[in-house]
Structure formats: C-alpha cells, structure tokens
Protein backbone atom coordinates (compact mmCIF):
# COMPACT_ATOMS: atom_id res chain seq x y z
CA MET A 1 0.04 0.01 0.07
CA ALA A 2 1.38 3.40 -0.95
CA THR A 3 2.16 5.83 1.79
CA ILE A 4 2.31 9.62 1.84
CA THR A 5 3.69 11.73 4.60
CA THR A 6 2.68 15.25 5.49
CA GLN A 7 2.63 17.50 8.47
CA CYS A 8 -1.17 17.65 8.70
CA CYS A 9 -3.86 15.62 7.08
CA ILE A 10 -7.45 17.19 7.00
CA VAL A 11 -10.26 14.89 6.15
CA GLY A 12 -13.28 16.72 4.70
CA GLY A 13 -13.24 19.58 2.15
CA GLY A 14 -16.24 21.60 3.64
CA PRO A 15 -15.88 25.13 5.11
CA ALA A 16 -13.89 23.95 8.23
CA GLY A 17 -11.51 21.71 6.44
CA ILE A 18 -10.79 23.97 3.40
CA MET A 19 -10.23 27.08 5.54
CA ALA A 20 -7.96 25.18 7.91
CA GLY A 21 -5.99 23.98 4.89
CA LEU A 22 -5.64 27.54 3.48
CA LEU A 23 -4.49 29.04 6.74
CA LEU A 24 -2.08 26.26 7.63
CA ALA A 25 -0.50 26.14 4.17
CA ARG A 26 -0.23 29.96 4.33
CA ALA A 27 1.71 29.59 7.54
CA GLY A 28 4.10 27.15 6.03
CA VAL A 29 2.64 23.88 7.05
CA GLU A 30 2.48 20.92 4.59
CA VAL A 31 -1.13 19.92 4.49
CA ILE A 32 -3.28 17.54 2.55
CA VAL A 33 -7.05 17.93 2.34
CA LEU A 34 -9.18 14.91 1.37
CA GLU A 35 -12.56 15.54 -0.28
CA LYS A 36 -14.56 12.54 -1.17
CA HIS A 37 -16.50 14.27 -4.04
CA ALA A 38 -15.07 15.26 -7.38
CA ASP A 39 -16.17 18.89 -6.85
CA PHE A 40 -18.03 21.09 -4.41
CA LEU A 41 -21.27 21.27 -6.44
CA ARG A 42 -23.94 20.10 -3.90
CA ASP A 43 -27.27 21.70 -3.44
CA PHE A 44 -28.83 22.75 -0.12
CA ARG A 45 -25.63 23.32 1.77
CA GLY A 46 -25.58 26.44 3.91
CA ASP A 47 -25.12 29.39 1.65
CA THR A 48 -24.75 32.20 4.17
CA ILE A 49 -21.31 33.97 4.50
CA HIS A 50 -21.67 36.02 7.71
CA PRO A 51 -19.89 39.35 8.57
CA SER A 52 -17.51 37.40 10.87
CA THR A 53 -16.28 35.37 7.73
CA LEU A 54 -16.24 38.40 5.54
CA GLU A 55 -14.02 40.12 8.16
CA LEU A 56 -11.57 37.13 7.82
CA MET A 57 -11.63 37.64 4.12
CA HIS A 58 -10.62 41.32 4.76
CA GLU A 59 -7.85 40.29 7.13
CA LEU A 60 -6.46 37.85 4.46
CA GLY A 61 -6.53 40.57 1.91
CA LEU A 62 -8.94 38.71 -0.18
CA ILE A 63 -12.21 40.68 0.36
CA GLU A 64 -12.23 42.51 -2.99
CA ALA A 65 -11.68 39.46 -5.06
CA PHE A 66 -14.20 37.48 -2.95
CA LEU A 67 -17.00 39.94 -3.32
CA LYS A 68 -16.61 39.79 -7.17
CA LEU A 69 -18.18 36.34 -6.92
CA PRO A 70 -21.98 36.19 -7.49
CA HIS A 71 -23.68 36.95 -4.15
CA ASP A 72 -26.62 38.92 -2.68
CA ALA A 73 -25.87 41.34 0.28
CA VAL A 74 -28.60 40.95 2.94
CA GLN A 75 -28.53 43.83 5.43
CA GLU A 76 -31.70 42.86 7.41
CA LEU A 77 -33.60 39.71 8.35
CA ALA A 78 -37.30 39.70 8.92
CA GLY A 79 -40.05 37.30 9.86
CA GLN A 80 -43.63 37.19 8.78
CA VAL A 81 -46.37 35.99 11.31
CA GLY A 82 -49.59 35.78 9.42
CA ASP A 83 -49.77 38.99 7.53
CA GLU A 84 -47.55 40.90 9.85
CA ILE A 85 -43.87 41.40 8.88
CA ILE A 86 -41.48 41.82 11.83
CA PRO A 87 -37.82 42.90 11.43
CA ILE A 88 -35.55 40.61 13.43
CA ALA A 89 -31.87 41.44 12.73
CA ASP A 90 -30.12 44.61 11.35
CA PHE A 91 -26.53 44.00 10.40
CA ARG A 92 -25.85 47.60 9.26
CA HIS A 93 -24.36 48.70 12.60
CA LEU A 94 -21.91 45.80 13.23
CA PRO A 95 -18.26 46.79 13.87
CA THR A 96 -17.12 44.95 10.70
CA HIS A 97 -15.96 46.06 7.35
CA CYS A 98 -18.94 44.23 5.67
CA LYS A 99 -22.23 44.96 7.39
CA PHE A 100 -24.28 42.32 5.60
CA VAL A 101 -24.67 38.55 5.13
CA ALA A 102 -23.45 37.36 1.71
CA MET A 103 -25.80 34.94 0.21
CA MET A 104 -23.49 32.76 -1.89
CA PRO A 105 -23.65 29.17 -3.12
CA GLN A 106 -21.31 27.12 -0.90
CA TRP A 107 -19.46 25.67 -3.89
CA GLU A 108 -18.41 29.26 -4.94
CA PHE A 109 -17.05 29.89 -1.47
CA LEU A 110 -15.13 26.50 -1.29
CA ASN A 111 -13.82 26.90 -4.88
CA PHE A 112 -12.49 30.35 -3.99
CA ILE A 113 -10.80 29.25 -0.79
CA ALA A 114 -9.33 26.16 -2.44
CA SER A 115 -7.92 28.38 -5.29
CA GLN A 116 -6.32 30.64 -2.82
CA ALA A 117 -4.76 27.75 -0.91
CA ALA A 118 -3.39 26.35 -4.08
CA ARG A 119 -1.10 29.29 -4.28
CA TYR A 120 0.98 27.86 -1.48
CA PRO A 121 3.39 24.97 -2.29
CA GLY A 122 2.53 23.09 0.88
CA PHE A 123 -1.17 22.61 0.07
CA ARG A 124 -2.60 19.60 -1.64
CA LEU A 125 -6.32 18.95 -2.31
CA LEU A 126 -7.10 15.33 -3.12
CA GLN A 127 -10.63 15.01 -4.52
CA GLN A 128 -12.62 11.83 -5.03
CA THR A 129 -10.57 10.69 -2.00
CA GLN A 130 -12.19 9.57 1.23
CA GLY A 131 -10.64 9.02 4.59
CA THR A 132 -11.76 5.54 5.46
CA GLY A 133 -10.14 4.93 8.74
CA LEU A 134 -7.62 5.98 11.46
CA ILE A 135 -4.15 4.53 11.76
CA GLU A 136 -3.52 3.80 15.47
CA GLY A 137 -0.02 3.84 16.86
CA ALA A 138 1.52 3.43 20.29
CA ALA A 139 1.41 7.11 20.92
CA GLY A 140 -1.94 7.83 19.35
CA ILE A 141 -3.35 8.50 15.87
CA GLU A 142 -0.53 8.48 13.31
CA GLY A 143 -2.67 9.20 10.13
CA VAL A 144 -5.47 7.96 8.03
CA ARG A 145 -6.20 5.24 5.62
CA ALA A 146 -7.83 6.56 2.43
CA PHE A 147 -9.24 5.46 -0.86
CA GLY A 148 -9.16 7.40 -4.11
CA PRO A 149 -9.03 7.03 -7.87
CA GLN A 150 -5.72 5.08 -7.64
CA GLY A 151 -6.93 2.69 -4.91
CA ALA A 152 -6.20 2.45 -1.25
CA PHE A 153 -3.30 4.30 0.42
CA GLU A 154 -2.13 5.65 3.80
CA ILE A 155 -1.31 9.21 4.85
CA ARG A 156 1.04 9.46 7.73
CA ALA A 157 0.83 12.78 9.69
CA PRO A 158 1.62 14.09 13.21
CA LEU A 159 -1.84 15.56 13.19
CA THR A 160 -5.05 14.37 11.55
CA ILE A 161 -8.03 16.93 11.56
CA ALA A 162 -11.46 15.36 11.27
CA ALA A 163 -13.59 17.90 9.39
CA ASP A 164 -15.86 15.37 7.78
CA GLY A 165 -19.12 16.60 9.03
CA ARG A 166 -21.85 15.55 11.49
CA HIS A 167 -21.67 11.95 10.39
CA SER A 168 -17.94 11.86 10.82
CA ILE A 169 -16.35 8.37 10.12
CA LEU A 170 -13.26 9.46 12.00
CA ARG A 171 -15.02 10.76 15.04
CA ASP A 172 -16.90 7.38 15.30
CA GLN A 173 -13.73 5.32 14.82
CA ALA A 174 -11.93 7.40 17.51
CA GLY A 175 -14.65 6.51 20.01
CA LEU A 176 -15.36 10.05 21.12
CA ASP A 177 -18.47 10.54 23.12
CA VAL A 178 -21.25 12.67 21.69
CA GLN A 179 -23.71 14.69 23.79
CA ASP A 180 -27.12 15.04 21.90
CA LEU A 181 -28.98 18.20 22.78
CA GLY A 182 -32.05 17.34 20.71
CA ALA A 183 -34.04 19.12 18.02
CA PRO A 184 -37.78 19.44 17.66
CA MET A 185 -37.77 19.84 13.85
CA ASP A 186 -36.39 18.69 10.56
CA VAL A 187 -36.07 20.79 7.40
CA LEU A 188 -37.25 20.07 3.88
CA TRP A 189 -35.15 21.98 1.28
CA LEU A 190 -36.39 22.85 -2.18
CA ARG A 191 -35.96 25.47 -4.81
CA LEU A 192 -38.47 27.59 -6.72
CA SER A 193 -37.74 29.88 -9.64
CA ARG A 194 -37.41 33.63 -9.04
CA ARG A 195 -38.56 36.49 -11.22
CA ALA A 196 -37.33 40.05 -11.32
CA SER A 197 -40.68 41.17 -10.12
CA ASP A 198 -40.42 39.11 -6.87
CA PRO A 199 -39.71 40.79 -3.55
CA GLY A 200 -35.98 40.78 -2.76
CA GLN A 201 -36.09 40.29 0.92
CA THR A 202 -34.78 37.12 2.60
CA MET A 203 -37.56 36.14 5.08
CA GLY A 204 -38.96 33.55 7.34
CA ARG A 205 -42.81 33.02 7.53
CA PHE A 206 -44.54 31.62 10.75
CA ASP A 207 -47.89 30.14 10.15
CA PRO A 208 -49.92 27.69 12.43
CA GLY A 209 -48.03 24.41 12.34
CA THR A 210 -45.46 25.64 9.68
CA ILE A 211 -42.35 27.78 9.32
CA PHE A 212 -41.20 28.63 5.81
CA VAL A 213 -37.96 30.42 4.97
CA MET A 214 -37.16 31.89 1.52
CA LEU A 215 -33.62 32.73 0.77
CA ASN A 216 -33.03 35.03 -2.26
CA ARG A 217 -30.55 33.21 -4.60
CA ASP A 218 -30.93 35.79 -7.37
CA ASP A 219 -32.49 33.50 -10.07
CA TYR A 220 -34.25 31.22 -7.70
CA TRP A 221 -35.54 30.92 -4.19
CA GLN A 222 -33.86 28.45 -1.92
CA CYS A 223 -36.67 27.43 0.53
CA ALA A 224 -36.64 25.73 3.83
CA TYR A 225 -39.95 24.14 4.98
CA VAL A 226 -39.68 23.35 8.63
CA ILE A 227 -41.61 20.32 9.92
CA PRO A 228 -41.85 18.58 13.22
CA LYS A 229 -39.05 16.05 13.89
CA GLY A 230 -39.74 12.79 12.01
CA GLY A 231 -42.72 14.28 10.14
CA PHE A 232 -41.51 13.82 6.53
CA ASP A 233 -43.41 10.43 6.23
CA LYS A 234 -46.64 12.29 7.22
CA VAL A 235 -46.08 14.93 4.64
CA GLN A 236 -45.38 12.34 1.92
CA GLN A 237 -48.55 10.44 2.87
CA ALA A 238 -50.65 13.48 2.37
CA GLY A 239 -49.49 13.58 -1.19
CA LEU A 240 -47.49 15.82 -3.55
CA PRO A 241 -50.65 17.90 -4.57
CA ALA A 242 -51.31 18.73 -0.92
CA PHE A 243 -47.70 19.73 -0.45
CA ARG A 244 -47.76 22.00 -3.56
CA GLN A 245 -51.00 23.56 -2.26
CA LYS A 246 -49.35 24.28 1.04
CA LEU A 247 -46.37 25.87 -0.57
CA ALA A 248 -48.78 28.13 -2.62
CA GLN A 249 -50.41 29.30 0.59
CA LEU A 250 -47.09 29.99 2.22
CA ALA A 251 -45.73 31.95 -0.81
CA PRO A 252 -48.76 33.51 -2.36
CA GLY A 253 -46.65 35.94 -4.40
CA LEU A 254 -44.97 33.09 -6.35
CA GLU A 255 -47.88 32.39 -8.66
CA GLY A 256 -48.06 28.76 -9.80
CA ARG A 257 -44.41 28.04 -9.00
CA SER A 258 -45.17 25.32 -6.45
CA GLU A 259 -45.96 23.27 -9.61
CA GLU A 260 -42.18 23.17 -10.20
CA ILE A 261 -41.96 20.54 -7.56
CA GLN A 262 -42.51 17.57 -9.90
CA SER A 263 -41.64 14.69 -7.43
CA TRP A 264 -40.27 14.08 -3.94
CA ASP A 265 -36.88 13.92 -5.59
CA ASP A 266 -37.13 17.70 -5.83
CA VAL A 267 -37.34 17.85 -2.02
CA LYS A 268 -34.28 17.14 0.20
CA LEU A 269 -34.62 16.17 3.84
CA LEU A 270 -32.28 17.63 6.41
CA THR A 271 -32.46 15.65 9.62
CA VAL A 272 -31.64 18.27 12.17
CA THR A 273 -29.17 17.23 14.83
CA VAL A 274 -27.69 19.44 17.63
CA ASP A 275 -24.80 17.82 19.40
CA ARG A 276 -21.23 18.21 20.42
CA LEU A 277 -18.38 16.03 21.53
CA LYS A 278 -17.41 15.98 25.21
CA GLN A 279 -13.76 15.77 24.04
CA TRP A 280 -12.73 16.97 20.64
CA HIS A 281 -9.32 15.21 20.50
CA ARG A 282 -7.16 12.29 21.03
CA PRO A 283 -3.44 12.30 20.66
CA GLY A 284 -2.84 12.97 17.00
CA LEU A 285 -6.49 13.67 16.15
CA LEU A 286 -8.56 16.87 16.41
CA CYS A 287 -12.28 17.33 15.47
CA ILE A 288 -13.52 20.66 14.26
CA GLY A 289 -16.72 21.98 12.63
CA ASP A 290 -19.78 19.70 12.49
CA ALA A 291 -17.49 16.70 13.42
CA ALA A 292 -17.15 18.41 16.80
CA HIS A 293 -20.49 20.05 17.06
CA ALA A 294 -23.43 19.78 14.80
CA MET A 295 -25.47 23.02 14.81
CA SER A 296 -29.17 23.72 14.46
CA PRO A 297 -30.09 25.63 11.23
CA VAL A 298 -31.42 28.41 13.40
CA GLY A 299 -29.57 31.55 12.30
CA GLY A 300 -27.66 29.71 9.58
CA ILE A 301 -24.47 30.05 11.61
CA GLY A 302 -23.07 26.49 11.40
CA ILE A 303 -20.73 27.34 8.54
CA ASN A 304 -19.33 30.38 10.34
CA LEU A 305 -18.78 28.59 13.62
CA ALA A 306 -16.91 25.87 11.69
CA ILE A 307 -14.73 28.52 10.02
CA GLN A 308 -14.02 30.08 13.35
CA ASP A 309 -12.80 26.64 14.56
CA ALA A 310 -10.43 26.51 11.58
CA VAL A 311 -8.98 29.95 12.35
CA ALA A 312 -8.49 29.05 15.97
CA THR A 313 -6.79 25.78 15.01
CA ALA A 314 -4.35 27.54 12.70
CA ASN A 315 -3.66 30.31 15.24
CA LEU A 316 -2.87 27.86 17.96
CA LEU A 317 -1.12 25.03 16.06
CA HIS A 318 0.70 26.38 13.09
CA ALA A 319 4.03 26.76 14.79
CA LYS A 320 3.84 23.40 16.55
CA LEU A 321 2.96 21.69 13.24
CA ARG A 322 5.92 23.29 11.45
CA GLU A 323 8.10 21.90 14.21
CA GLY A 324 6.39 18.53 14.27
CA ARG A 325 5.74 18.59 17.97
CA VAL A 326 1.98 18.83 18.45
CA THR A 327 0.85 17.47 21.82
CA ASP A 328 -2.44 16.42 23.16
CA ALA A 329 -2.29 19.54 25.48
CA ASP A 330 -2.03 21.62 22.17
CA LEU A 331 -5.22 19.98 20.94
CA ALA A 332 -6.93 20.52 24.17
CA ALA A 333 -6.10 24.24 24.02
CA VAL A 334 -8.17 24.47 20.66
CA GLN A 335 -11.14 22.86 22.37
CA ARG A 336 -10.82 25.27 25.28
CA ARG A 337 -10.76 28.18 22.86
CA ARG A 338 -13.78 27.15 20.93
CA GLU A 339 -15.87 25.11 23.39
CA TRP A 340 -17.46 28.06 25.28
CA PRO A 341 -18.54 29.86 22.03
CA THR A 342 -20.02 26.49 20.77
CA LYS A 343 -21.97 25.94 24.10
CA ALA A 344 -23.16 29.47 24.18
CA THR A 345 -24.44 29.38 20.56
CA GLN A 346 -26.10 25.99 20.94
CA TRP A 347 -27.78 27.23 24.10
CA ALA A 348 -29.21 30.13 22.21
CA GLN A 349 -30.29 27.88 19.31
CA VAL A 350 -31.99 25.42 21.71
CA GLN A 351 -33.88 28.35 23.41
CA VAL A 352 -35.21 29.39 20.00
CA GLN A 353 -36.03 25.80 19.06
CA ASN A 354 -37.96 25.20 22.32
CA ARG A 355 -39.51 28.55 22.93
CA ILE A 356 -40.45 29.68 19.40
CA ILE A 357 -40.10 26.93 16.82
CA SER A 358 -41.72 24.17 18.90
CA ALA A 359 -44.58 26.47 19.83
CA VAL A 360 -45.23 27.51 16.20
CA LEU A 361 -45.09 23.85 14.93
CA ALA A 362 -47.62 22.90 17.64
CA GLN A 363 -50.17 25.66 16.69
CA SER A 364 -53.24 24.67 14.82
CA GLN A 365 -54.94 28.04 14.54
CA ALA A 366 -53.85 31.65 13.98
CA PHE A 367 -51.70 33.13 16.75
CA LYS A 368 -49.97 36.34 17.85
CA PRO A 369 -46.21 36.80 17.22
CA PRO A 370 -44.19 35.50 20.16
CA PHE A 371 -43.19 38.09 22.80
CA ALA A 372 -39.57 38.07 21.76
CA LEU A 373 -40.44 38.83 18.13
CA ARG A 374 -42.94 41.58 19.15
CA MET A 375 -40.14 43.26 21.12
CA LEU A 376 -37.74 43.16 18.13
CA GLY A 377 -40.36 44.69 16.02
CA ARG A 378 -41.16 47.46 18.41
CA PHE A 379 -37.66 48.49 19.47
CA PRO A 380 -35.09 48.85 16.58
CA LEU A 381 -32.15 48.87 19.02
CA LEU A 382 -32.90 45.40 20.06
CA ARG A 383 -32.31 44.08 16.56
CA GLY A 384 -28.66 44.61 17.04
CA LEU A 385 -28.56 41.64 19.50
CA PRO A 386 -29.60 38.95 17.04
CA ALA A 387 -27.58 40.70 14.40
CA ARG A 388 -24.45 40.41 16.61
CA LEU A 389 -25.07 36.77 17.55
CA VAL A 390 -26.01 35.71 13.97
CA GLY A 391 -23.47 38.05 12.15
CA MET A 392 -20.47 37.71 14.37
CA GLY A 393 -21.02 34.96 16.74
CA VAL A 394 -19.68 34.52 20.25
CA ARG A 395 -15.98 35.24 20.44
CA PRO A 396 -15.28 35.79 16.73
CA GLU A 397 -11.77 34.72 15.74
CA HIS A 398 -9.15 36.78 13.85
CA VAL A 399 -6.28 35.55 11.75
CA HIS A 400 -3.00 35.51 13.76
CA SER A 401 -1.25 32.84 11.88
CA PRO A 402 1.42 34.42 9.56
CA GLU A 403 1.90 34.20 5.91
CA VAL A 404 5.32 32.69 5.19
C-alpha cells in the first residue's frame, strides 16, 4: 500500500476543512485535504457567509476578489407571522467592514478558498478521495487510511484533523463521546424559480404548524420548509398535490411556482441534529466544525462557527505543526478556545427551538407573534442583539497565523 507523509492531514473539504487547509498552508505547514467528491457542487448546503467570515476575508486581503463572486448582500432579516412582517436583525451597525450577510452558493465559497490555498506549495487537495479509517500507533493516531481514484493508500501525519461533518467516520472510529442536545424539527429543502418582479427580501414566515424560509438566490428561491421532527413520512402520505398547495399558501406571491416540484426527488430532507463532543481530540487527532459540534439551522450560523474553529486551529497550532511537535495539550487548547462559544451558541439555538419553533409547529390556529419577536419589531435597537449573534457569533476569531 502506498504511503504519503505530510505535517497535517485534513479529512473533509467543507468550510472547516478547506479554511484550515488555507490558513495552515499560508503559515508554511505541509497539509493535505481529502474531499470525497469530485467537486463542491452540492445543493442545499448552507449558503450564508456572515460578517465574521467576511471580516476574515478582509484580514487575509481577499475581500475585494471574494466579493466579485456572485452573491446577494442581505442587510436585514425579517419574519412574517400571518400578515404581519417583523424585522428581526439589522446588520448595518456591526463593527465589521462588511455589514451584511453574503448569500453565496457554498461551492463558490469553497472553490474560492481552495484556489487561494493552491497558491501555497505546501497545500494539496485530493478530490474523489475519502478518509476511510484511522491509523493507530503506540502514541496515538498516526494518520489515516484513504481510498481514491488510484486505490487504497495511507497518509502518515503528526496531526489528523477530522472535518468530515456531522456523520464523521473518523469521530466514530476514535470512540469520542457525543452529547445529543435534541431538536424538535427537521427541514425540507427545495428550490423555486425567482422572477425580477419578486420581492428581494430574505424572510421567514411563521404560520400555524409551519415555518417557511425563503432565501433570495438571485435567479431562484432556496426554500426551507420546517416540519416537526420525524414528520416527513406524514407529509409524503398527504401527497404531493397537498404539499404543492401548502407551498402556494405560504408563498402566495410566487404564482403557480409550487408546480415546479415535480416529485419528492425535488425535496431534500435535512434531519436536524444538535450535538457536540465531550472531548474533541485524542493524541494525533482533532475534530472541528460539524465533526465536533453539529449545529441547528437556526440563524444559519453552522458554517461560520466551523470557520471560526479553523481559524483558532491555525492560530494555535501552526508553529507546533511546522516543528512537528503537536501534543495532546495543544489540541486541548483548541477545544478550550472554541468550546465556550459553541456551548453558548447551541444554548441560544436550543432556546429558539424550544420557545419559538416548537410553539409555532404545535399551533393549529392563528396566533400572535411570540413576545420576543414583538419586542424586536417594536424596538429597533434590540435588533442589534440577534444581528451580533448571527452576524459575528460568540468570540469571533481573527487571523493571527502568519503568511510565510
């Protein structure tokens, strides 16, 4: 079996993995990123690039090139309860260079970061290559077994970073304990065409028993239909015509476009999970992003929290990796840095899930907006609080790793 050696192997080419790869390669670390797909073209991934991530692009000197990519700048978020529209978050007063959320297909973001990382000689991206297992040694994890177009091989590295998502193979093989925080809902993702005459605002609608979110993707609407946990079978049993009729009721301005849903293949189920590892590491192995903490879709902040993990990892480990002396205490320092922001963010998401989402999904008749939403609508100053939590997060990271 062929063997490759490197200073760091990252399994997973999502936002956490590809950003960690860029920052470590930029700091002079030899890094290999494994991505199991041939490209990044996958629908219904998180498409929100928040002000905290845009600030990182500014710090890296990439913001001008980045904003030339197709995107929609969202300065405010609003919700609709019945016929009442309530402002929720206003990003225009954040202490960042970009005071908006950039709605951008995730593949555009990942392609951009990968292209920037490729400028550094120590960076390698192996696509169509999956990490299949950990290599255990006397002192801990010594690398990964992988499978790619040329067959099976091994990658030996002082540090393996598991960034392979909420269903992480490496996390499971490492035997790390997961704490499940629960989620009362799942999400059905779908797309409907968008016309120039459509309203431009990204908005969530709260109706009895239903939450419907429409994200402006320029030439189409990316829509999230929130249902009670495990409720997809019930939706399917009611039939596709009933589902189309419900969509038409939730989006009355999109005349006839619910008919674009031709089959259930046009609807993608996201099984919502909110969990986190009790310990993110073992000697030679570190989990980041969804592999360390699966986030609720509330606020769309999972991507940006994963990117913050990557920044902290590079800040704390780049020098140790160049010297080949990463210890388990160094990995524990990454967890200490990112664990409190993760817990605080998940706590806020669970409060929204339990106090607002569960209540809305349980309603069977018209209702008044929840108290928290009414206060946001009444007092503009309060909208800065959700804007800060959604737009910047808890303890936003900044790039301290050097460019060498």
